[in-house]
Amino acid sequence: MTDQPVTPTSDESLMAAISHFFGLLVAFIIWATQKDKSRYVRFQSIQAMAYDLLVYVITFLVVGVLMVLVLGILAFGIGDFVLFSSQSNPTAEPVRTLIALVTATPFLIPCVFIPIAGIIFIVRLIATIQTFQGKDFRYPWLGALVERSMGR
């Protein structure tokens, strides 16, 4: 018997699309309730959960690194500002630059995260639309990883 792809029913397509669109908690609920009923829904919901977890982990790491950098710059900048705030000291200018950077950081972070959030949403929307149409959507490299973990 060959492993031919089966076209999902409209209910299966809808469940898969909901998994991708609404994120981790809804994907988990759909996986828990549908995992034994449909291989397509099981695969798509696991893939949606994996995508969300990957996004959460990367976001956590990036925010953590940014916080460490900002707090480190802040601590270094304030320490140097207190110690070397004299006008005659040539090292005061880099300290003022660091303080300006720390002051600007809250305004720079949205400039980085808003486009990234937009890309994450667009990818999620593409997955939603394709699964709603009954296509076998796969995230790059993540889909193959999920497929291997399911034992196909």
N, C-alpha and C. Protein backbone atom coordinates (compact mmCIF):
# COMPACT_ATOMS: atom_id res chain seq x y z
N MET A 1 0.84 -1.17 0.00
CA MET A 1 0.00 0.00 0.00
C MET A 1 0.89 1.24 0.00
N THR A 2 0.62 2.20 -0.88
CA THR A 2 1.42 3.42 -0.94
C THR A 2 0.86 4.46 0.00
N ASP A 3 1.72 5.38 0.39
CA ASP A 3 1.33 6.43 1.31
C ASP A 3 0.90 7.65 0.50
N GLN A 4 -0.28 7.57 -0.13
CA GLN A 4 -0.80 8.65 -0.94
C GLN A 4 -1.39 9.74 -0.04
N PRO A 5 -1.14 11.01 -0.38
CA PRO A 5 -1.76 12.06 0.41
C PRO A 5 -3.27 12.05 0.21
N VAL A 6 -3.98 12.19 1.30
CA VAL A 6 -5.43 12.19 1.26
C VAL A 6 -5.90 13.63 1.38
N THR A 7 -6.84 14.01 0.54
CA THR A 7 -7.39 15.36 0.61
C THR A 7 -8.22 15.47 1.88
N PRO A 8 -7.91 16.47 2.71
CA PRO A 8 -8.66 16.61 3.96
C PRO A 8 -10.09 17.08 3.71
N THR A 9 -10.97 16.71 4.62
CA THR A 9 -12.34 17.19 4.54
C THR A 9 -12.38 18.67 4.89
N SER A 10 -13.52 19.30 4.68
CA SER A 10 -13.63 20.72 5.01
C SER A 10 -13.51 20.95 6.52
N ASP A 11 -14.00 20.00 7.31
CA ASP A 11 -13.85 20.14 8.77
C ASP A 11 -12.39 20.03 9.18
N GLU A 12 -11.66 19.11 8.57
CA GLU A 12 -10.24 18.96 8.88
C GLU A 12 -9.46 20.20 8.46
N SER A 13 -9.79 20.74 7.30
CA SER A 13 -9.12 21.96 6.84
C SER A 13 -9.40 23.12 7.79
N LEU A 14 -10.63 23.22 8.24
CA LEU A 14 -10.99 24.29 9.16
C LEU A 14 -10.25 24.14 10.49
N MET A 15 -10.18 22.94 11.02
CA MET A 15 -9.47 22.70 12.29
C MET A 15 -7.98 23.04 12.14
N ALA A 16 -7.38 22.64 11.03
CA ALA A 16 -5.97 22.94 10.80
C ALA A 16 -5.75 24.45 10.68
N ALA A 17 -6.64 25.13 9.97
CA ALA A 17 -6.51 26.57 9.81
C ALA A 17 -6.65 27.29 11.15
N ILE A 18 -7.61 26.85 11.96
CA ILE A 18 -7.78 27.44 13.29
C ILE A 18 -6.54 27.22 14.14
N SER A 19 -5.94 26.04 14.03
CA SER A 19 -4.71 25.75 14.79
C SER A 19 -3.60 26.74 14.45
N HIS A 20 -3.43 26.99 13.17
CA HIS A 20 -2.37 27.90 12.76
C HIS A 20 -2.68 29.34 13.13
N PHE A 21 -3.92 29.76 13.00
CA PHE A 21 -4.25 31.17 13.19
C PHE A 21 -4.26 31.59 14.65
N PHE A 22 -4.81 30.77 15.52
CA PHE A 22 -5.01 31.20 16.90
C PHE A 22 -3.87 30.84 17.84
N GLY A 23 -2.90 30.09 17.39
CA GLY A 23 -1.72 29.90 18.21
C GLY A 23 -1.70 28.69 19.11
N LEU A 24 -0.80 28.75 20.06
CA LEU A 24 -0.39 27.60 20.85
C LEU A 24 -1.53 26.95 21.63
N LEU A 25 -2.26 27.70 22.39
CA LEU A 25 -3.30 27.11 23.24
C LEU A 25 -4.40 26.46 22.42
N VAL A 26 -4.88 27.16 21.41
CA VAL A 26 -5.94 26.61 20.56
C VAL A 26 -5.41 25.41 19.77
N ALA A 27 -4.19 25.49 19.28
CA ALA A 27 -3.60 24.35 18.56
C ALA A 27 -3.49 23.14 19.47
N PHE A 28 -3.13 23.37 20.72
CA PHE A 28 -3.05 22.26 21.67
C PHE A 28 -4.42 21.64 21.92
N ILE A 29 -5.44 22.47 22.07
CA ILE A 29 -6.79 21.94 22.29
C ILE A 29 -7.26 21.14 21.08
N ILE A 30 -7.00 21.68 19.89
CA ILE A 30 -7.40 20.96 18.67
C ILE A 30 -6.62 19.66 18.55
N TRP A 31 -5.32 19.70 18.83
CA TRP A 31 -4.53 18.47 18.78
C TRP A 31 -5.07 17.44 19.77
N ALA A 32 -5.36 17.87 20.99
CA ALA A 32 -5.83 16.95 22.03
C ALA A 32 -7.17 16.33 21.67
N THR A 33 -8.02 17.08 21.00
CA THR A 33 -9.36 16.54 20.68
C THR A 33 -9.41 15.83 19.34
N GLN A 34 -8.48 16.10 18.44
CA GLN A 34 -8.56 15.56 17.08
C GLN A 34 -7.42 14.63 16.71
N LYS A 35 -6.46 14.41 17.60
CA LYS A 35 -5.25 13.67 17.23
C LYS A 35 -5.53 12.25 16.76
N ASP A 36 -6.56 11.62 17.28
CA ASP A 36 -6.87 10.25 16.88
C ASP A 36 -7.84 10.18 15.71
N LYS A 37 -8.42 11.32 15.33
CA LYS A 37 -9.42 11.34 14.27
C LYS A 37 -8.84 11.63 12.90
N SER A 38 -7.79 12.47 12.85
CA SER A 38 -7.26 12.90 11.56
C SER A 38 -5.76 13.12 11.64
N ARG A 39 -5.04 12.42 10.79
CA ARG A 39 -3.58 12.60 10.72
C ARG A 39 -3.24 14.01 10.22
N TYR A 40 -4.04 14.52 9.28
CA TYR A 40 -3.81 15.87 8.74
C TYR A 40 -3.93 16.92 9.85
N VAL A 41 -4.99 16.87 10.63
CA VAL A 41 -5.19 17.84 11.70
C VAL A 41 -4.12 17.65 12.77
N ARG A 42 -3.77 16.42 13.08
CA ARG A 42 -2.73 16.17 14.08
C ARG A 42 -1.40 16.80 13.63
N PHE A 43 -1.03 16.55 12.37
CA PHE A 43 0.23 17.10 11.86
C PHE A 43 0.21 18.62 11.85
N GLN A 44 -0.86 19.22 11.37
CA GLN A 44 -0.93 20.67 11.27
C GLN A 44 -0.97 21.33 12.65
N SER A 45 -1.67 20.73 13.59
CA SER A 45 -1.73 21.32 14.93
C SER A 45 -0.39 21.19 15.67
N ILE A 46 0.29 20.06 15.49
CA ILE A 46 1.62 19.92 16.09
C ILE A 46 2.59 20.91 15.46
N GLN A 47 2.49 21.08 14.16
CA GLN A 47 3.35 22.02 13.46
C GLN A 47 3.07 23.46 13.93
N ALA A 48 1.80 23.80 14.13
CA ALA A 48 1.44 25.14 14.63
C ALA A 48 2.00 25.35 16.04
N MET A 49 1.90 24.32 16.88
CA MET A 49 2.46 24.44 18.23
C MET A 49 3.98 24.60 18.18
N ALA A 50 4.63 23.83 17.33
CA ALA A 50 6.09 23.92 17.21
C ALA A 50 6.51 25.31 16.72
N TYR A 51 5.78 25.85 15.77
CA TYR A 51 6.07 27.20 15.26
C TYR A 51 5.94 28.23 16.37
N ASP A 52 4.84 28.16 17.13
CA ASP A 52 4.65 29.11 18.22
C ASP A 52 5.71 28.96 19.29
N LEU A 53 6.04 27.74 19.64
CA LEU A 53 7.09 27.53 20.65
C LEU A 53 8.42 28.08 20.18
N LEU A 54 8.73 27.86 18.91
CA LEU A 54 9.97 28.38 18.35
C LEU A 54 9.99 29.91 18.40
N VAL A 55 8.87 30.53 18.03
CA VAL A 55 8.78 31.99 18.09
C VAL A 55 8.93 32.48 19.52
N TYR A 56 8.28 31.80 20.48
CA TYR A 56 8.38 32.21 21.89
C TYR A 56 9.81 32.09 22.40
N VAL A 57 10.48 31.01 22.08
CA VAL A 57 11.86 30.80 22.55
C VAL A 57 12.79 31.84 21.96
N ILE A 58 12.68 32.08 20.66
CA ILE A 58 13.55 33.07 20.02
C ILE A 58 13.26 34.46 20.58
N THR A 59 12.00 34.79 20.78
CA THR A 59 11.65 36.10 21.35
C THR A 59 12.22 36.24 22.76
N PHE A 60 12.08 35.19 23.56
CA PHE A 60 12.60 35.22 24.92
C PHE A 60 14.11 35.43 24.91
N LEU A 61 14.82 34.74 24.03
CA LEU A 61 16.27 34.88 23.96
C LEU A 61 16.67 36.27 23.50
N VAL A 62 16.01 36.78 22.47
CA VAL A 62 16.36 38.10 21.95
C VAL A 62 16.08 39.19 22.99
N VAL A 63 14.91 39.12 23.63
CA VAL A 63 14.58 40.10 24.67
C VAL A 63 15.56 39.99 25.83
N GLY A 64 15.91 38.78 26.22
CA GLY A 64 16.88 38.60 27.29
C GLY A 64 18.23 39.20 26.96
N VAL A 65 18.71 38.96 25.76
CA VAL A 65 20.00 39.53 25.34
C VAL A 65 19.91 41.05 25.31
N LEU A 66 18.82 41.58 24.77
CA LEU A 66 18.67 43.04 24.74
C LEU A 66 18.63 43.63 26.14
N MET A 67 17.93 42.96 27.04
CA MET A 67 17.86 43.48 28.41
C MET A 67 19.24 43.46 29.07
N VAL A 68 19.98 42.39 28.88
CA VAL A 68 21.33 42.32 29.45
C VAL A 68 22.21 43.42 28.87
N LEU A 69 22.11 43.63 27.56
CA LEU A 69 22.91 44.69 26.93
C LEU A 69 22.52 46.07 27.44
N VAL A 70 21.22 46.32 27.49
CA VAL A 70 20.77 47.63 27.93
C VAL A 70 21.13 47.86 29.39
N LEU A 71 20.89 46.86 30.23
CA LEU A 71 21.24 47.03 31.64
C LEU A 71 22.75 47.15 31.83
N GLY A 72 23.51 46.40 31.04
CA GLY A 72 24.97 46.52 31.11
C GLY A 72 25.44 47.88 30.67
N ILE A 73 24.87 48.38 29.57
CA ILE A 73 25.24 49.72 29.10
C ILE A 73 24.81 50.77 30.11
N LEU A 74 23.62 50.58 30.67
CA LEU A 74 23.12 51.52 31.66
C LEU A 74 24.02 51.56 32.89
N ALA A 75 24.37 50.38 33.38
CA ALA A 75 25.24 50.32 34.56
C ALA A 75 26.60 50.92 34.24
N PHE A 76 27.16 50.57 33.09
CA PHE A 76 28.47 51.11 32.69
C PHE A 76 28.37 52.60 32.45
N GLY A 77 27.33 53.03 31.79
CA GLY A 77 27.16 54.45 31.46
C GLY A 77 26.98 55.31 32.68
N ILE A 78 26.13 54.88 33.62
CA ILE A 78 25.91 55.67 34.83
C ILE A 78 27.17 55.69 35.68
N GLY A 79 27.84 54.56 35.80
CA GLY A 79 29.08 54.51 36.57
C GLY A 79 30.13 55.44 35.99
N ASP A 80 30.28 55.42 34.69
CA ASP A 80 31.25 56.31 34.07
C ASP A 80 30.81 57.76 34.14
N PHE A 81 29.52 57.98 34.04
CA PHE A 81 29.02 59.34 34.11
C PHE A 81 29.31 59.95 35.48
N VAL A 82 29.11 59.15 36.52
CA VAL A 82 29.37 59.65 37.88
C VAL A 82 30.87 59.86 38.08
N LEU A 83 31.69 58.93 37.58
CA LEU A 83 33.13 59.03 37.81
C LEU A 83 33.82 60.03 36.90
N PHE A 84 33.35 60.14 35.66
CA PHE A 84 34.08 60.93 34.66
C PHE A 84 33.22 62.03 34.05
N SER A 85 32.42 62.70 34.84
CA SER A 85 31.51 63.69 34.27
C SER A 85 32.17 65.07 34.09
N SER A 86 33.42 65.17 34.39
CA SER A 86 34.13 66.43 34.26
C SER A 86 34.20 66.84 32.80
N GLN A 87 34.06 68.16 32.54
CA GLN A 87 34.15 68.67 31.17
C GLN A 87 35.56 68.53 30.61
N SER A 88 36.56 68.52 31.45
CA SER A 88 37.93 68.43 30.97
C SER A 88 38.34 66.99 30.63
N ASN A 89 37.50 66.05 30.99
CA ASN A 89 37.83 64.65 30.76
C ASN A 89 37.42 64.23 29.35
N PRO A 90 38.36 63.77 28.52
CA PRO A 90 38.01 63.37 27.15
C PRO A 90 37.18 62.09 27.08
N THR A 91 37.10 61.32 28.15
CA THR A 91 36.31 60.09 28.12
C THR A 91 34.82 60.34 28.40
N ALA A 92 34.47 61.58 28.71
CA ALA A 92 33.07 61.88 29.03
C ALA A 92 32.18 61.78 27.79
N GLU A 93 32.70 62.07 26.61
CA GLU A 93 31.86 62.04 25.40
C GLU A 93 31.34 60.63 25.08
N PRO A 94 32.17 59.57 25.12
CA PRO A 94 31.62 58.23 24.89
C PRO A 94 30.57 57.85 25.92
N VAL A 95 30.72 58.33 27.14
CA VAL A 95 29.74 58.05 28.19
C VAL A 95 28.42 58.71 27.84
N ARG A 96 28.47 59.95 27.39
CA ARG A 96 27.24 60.63 26.99
C ARG A 96 26.58 59.90 25.81
N THR A 97 27.38 59.36 24.92
CA THR A 97 26.85 58.59 23.79
C THR A 97 26.15 57.34 24.30
N LEU A 98 26.74 56.65 25.25
CA LEU A 98 26.12 55.46 25.82
C LEU A 98 24.81 55.79 26.52
N ILE A 99 24.79 56.89 27.24
CA ILE A 99 23.56 57.30 27.92
C ILE A 99 22.49 57.66 26.89
N ALA A 100 22.87 58.30 25.81
CA ALA A 100 21.91 58.62 24.75
C ALA A 100 21.38 57.33 24.12
N LEU A 101 22.25 56.33 23.95
CA LEU A 101 21.81 55.05 23.39
C LEU A 101 20.81 54.37 24.31
N VAL A 102 21.10 54.36 25.59
CA VAL A 102 20.19 53.75 26.56
C VAL A 102 18.86 54.50 26.58
N THR A 103 18.92 55.81 26.49
CA THR A 103 17.70 56.61 26.47
C THR A 103 16.88 56.32 25.21
N ALA A 104 17.54 56.08 24.08
CA ALA A 104 16.85 55.85 22.82
C ALA A 104 16.37 54.41 22.67
N THR A 105 16.90 53.49 23.46
CA THR A 105 16.58 52.07 23.32
C THR A 105 15.08 51.78 23.38
N PRO A 106 14.32 52.35 24.32
CA PRO A 106 12.88 52.05 24.32
C PRO A 106 12.18 52.44 23.02
N PHE A 107 12.73 53.40 22.31
CA PHE A 107 12.14 53.81 21.05
C PHE A 107 12.65 52.96 19.89
N LEU A 108 13.84 52.38 20.03
CA LEU A 108 14.41 51.56 18.97
C LEU A 108 13.85 50.13 18.97
N ILE A 109 13.51 49.62 20.15
CA ILE A 109 13.03 48.24 20.24
C ILE A 109 11.77 48.02 19.42
N PRO A 110 10.76 48.91 19.46
CA PRO A 110 9.60 48.70 18.59
C PRO A 110 9.95 48.74 17.11
N CYS A 111 10.96 49.51 16.75
CA CYS A 111 11.37 49.56 15.35
C CYS A 111 11.90 48.21 14.87
N VAL A 112 12.40 47.41 15.78
CA VAL A 112 12.89 46.09 15.44
C VAL A 112 11.77 45.05 15.55
N PHE A 113 11.01 45.11 16.64
CA PHE A 113 10.03 44.06 16.90
C PHE A 113 8.75 44.17 16.09
N ILE A 114 8.34 45.36 15.71
CA ILE A 114 7.10 45.49 14.92
C ILE A 114 7.26 44.82 13.55
N PRO A 115 8.33 45.06 12.80
CA PRO A 115 8.47 44.34 11.53
C PRO A 115 8.59 42.82 11.71
N ILE A 116 9.29 42.39 12.75
CA ILE A 116 9.42 40.95 13.00
C ILE A 116 8.07 40.35 13.34
N ALA A 117 7.28 41.04 14.16
CA ALA A 117 5.94 40.56 14.49
C ALA A 117 5.07 40.51 13.24
N GLY A 118 5.25 41.46 12.35
CA GLY A 118 4.52 41.45 11.09
C GLY A 118 4.87 40.24 10.24
N ILE A 119 6.14 39.91 10.17
CA ILE A 119 6.58 38.74 9.41
C ILE A 119 6.03 37.46 10.02
N ILE A 120 6.07 37.36 11.35
CA ILE A 120 5.54 36.19 12.04
C ILE A 120 4.05 36.04 11.74
N PHE A 121 3.32 37.15 11.76
CA PHE A 121 1.89 37.11 11.47
C PHE A 121 1.62 36.73 10.02
N ILE A 122 2.40 37.26 9.09
CA ILE A 122 2.21 36.93 7.67
C ILE A 122 2.45 35.45 7.43
N VAL A 123 3.48 34.88 8.03
CA VAL A 123 3.74 33.45 7.89
C VAL A 123 2.59 32.64 8.47
N ARG A 124 2.08 33.07 9.63
CA ARG A 124 0.94 32.40 10.26
C ARG A 124 -0.29 32.49 9.35
N LEU A 125 -0.49 33.64 8.73
CA LEU A 125 -1.63 33.84 7.84
C LEU A 125 -1.52 32.97 6.59
N ILE A 126 -0.33 32.85 6.03
CA ILE A 126 -0.11 31.97 4.88
C ILE A 126 -0.43 30.52 5.25
N ALA A 127 0.04 30.09 6.43
CA ALA A 127 -0.26 28.73 6.89
C ALA A 127 -1.76 28.54 7.06
N THR A 128 -2.43 29.53 7.61
CA THR A 128 -3.88 29.45 7.82
C THR A 128 -4.61 29.32 6.50
N ILE A 129 -4.27 30.17 5.54
CA ILE A 129 -4.96 30.16 4.25
C ILE A 129 -4.72 28.85 3.52
N GLN A 130 -3.48 28.39 3.49
CA GLN A 130 -3.18 27.16 2.76
C GLN A 130 -3.85 25.94 3.39
N THR A 131 -3.86 25.86 4.71
CA THR A 131 -4.52 24.71 5.33
C THR A 131 -6.03 24.82 5.20
N PHE A 132 -6.57 26.02 5.22
CA PHE A 132 -8.01 26.18 5.00
C PHE A 132 -8.41 25.72 3.61
N GLN A 133 -7.49 25.88 2.65
CA GLN A 133 -7.74 25.41 1.28
C GLN A 133 -7.47 23.92 1.14
N GLY A 134 -7.05 23.26 2.21
CA GLY A 134 -6.82 21.82 2.17
C GLY A 134 -5.43 21.42 1.68
N LYS A 135 -4.53 22.38 1.56
CA LYS A 135 -3.17 22.08 1.11
C LYS A 135 -2.35 21.58 2.29
N ASP A 136 -1.32 20.83 1.97
CA ASP A 136 -0.43 20.29 3.00
C ASP A 136 0.67 21.29 3.27
N PHE A 137 0.40 22.27 4.12
CA PHE A 137 1.36 23.32 4.42
C PHE A 137 2.46 22.79 5.33
N ARG A 138 3.70 23.22 5.06
CA ARG A 138 4.84 22.87 5.89
C ARG A 138 5.73 24.09 6.05
N TYR A 139 6.06 24.37 7.32
CA TYR A 139 7.05 25.41 7.57
C TYR A 139 8.40 24.89 7.11
N PRO A 140 9.26 25.77 6.59
CA PRO A 140 10.59 25.30 6.19
C PRO A 140 11.30 24.67 7.39
N TRP A 141 11.93 23.56 7.19
CA TRP A 141 12.68 22.68 8.10
C TRP A 141 11.87 22.27 9.32
N LEU A 142 10.96 23.06 9.79
CA LEU A 142 10.15 22.69 10.95
C LEU A 142 9.14 21.61 10.59
N GLY A 143 8.58 21.69 9.38
CA GLY A 143 7.63 20.67 8.93
C GLY A 143 8.28 19.30 8.84
N ALA A 144 9.50 19.25 8.33
CA ALA A 144 10.21 17.97 8.24
C ALA A 144 10.54 17.42 9.62
N LEU A 145 10.89 18.30 10.53
CA LEU A 145 11.18 17.89 11.91
C LEU A 145 9.94 17.31 12.58
N VAL A 146 8.81 17.96 12.40
CA VAL A 146 7.55 17.47 12.97
C VAL A 146 7.17 16.14 12.33
N GLU A 147 7.35 16.04 11.03
CA GLU A 147 7.02 14.79 10.32
C GLU A 147 7.88 13.64 10.83
N ARG A 148 9.17 13.88 11.03
CA ARG A 148 10.04 12.83 11.57
C ARG A 148 9.62 12.44 12.97
N SER A 149 9.22 13.42 13.77
CA SER A 149 8.82 13.12 15.15
C SER A 149 7.52 12.34 15.20
N MET A 150 6.69 12.48 14.16
CA MET A 150 5.43 11.71 14.10
C MET A 150 5.66 10.30 13.58
N GLY A 151 6.83 10.06 13.02
CA GLY A 151 7.16 8.72 12.57
C GLY A 151 6.64 8.33 11.20
N ARG A 152 6.57 9.30 10.31
CA ARG A 152 6.09 9.00 8.95
C ARG A 152 7.21 8.45 8.12
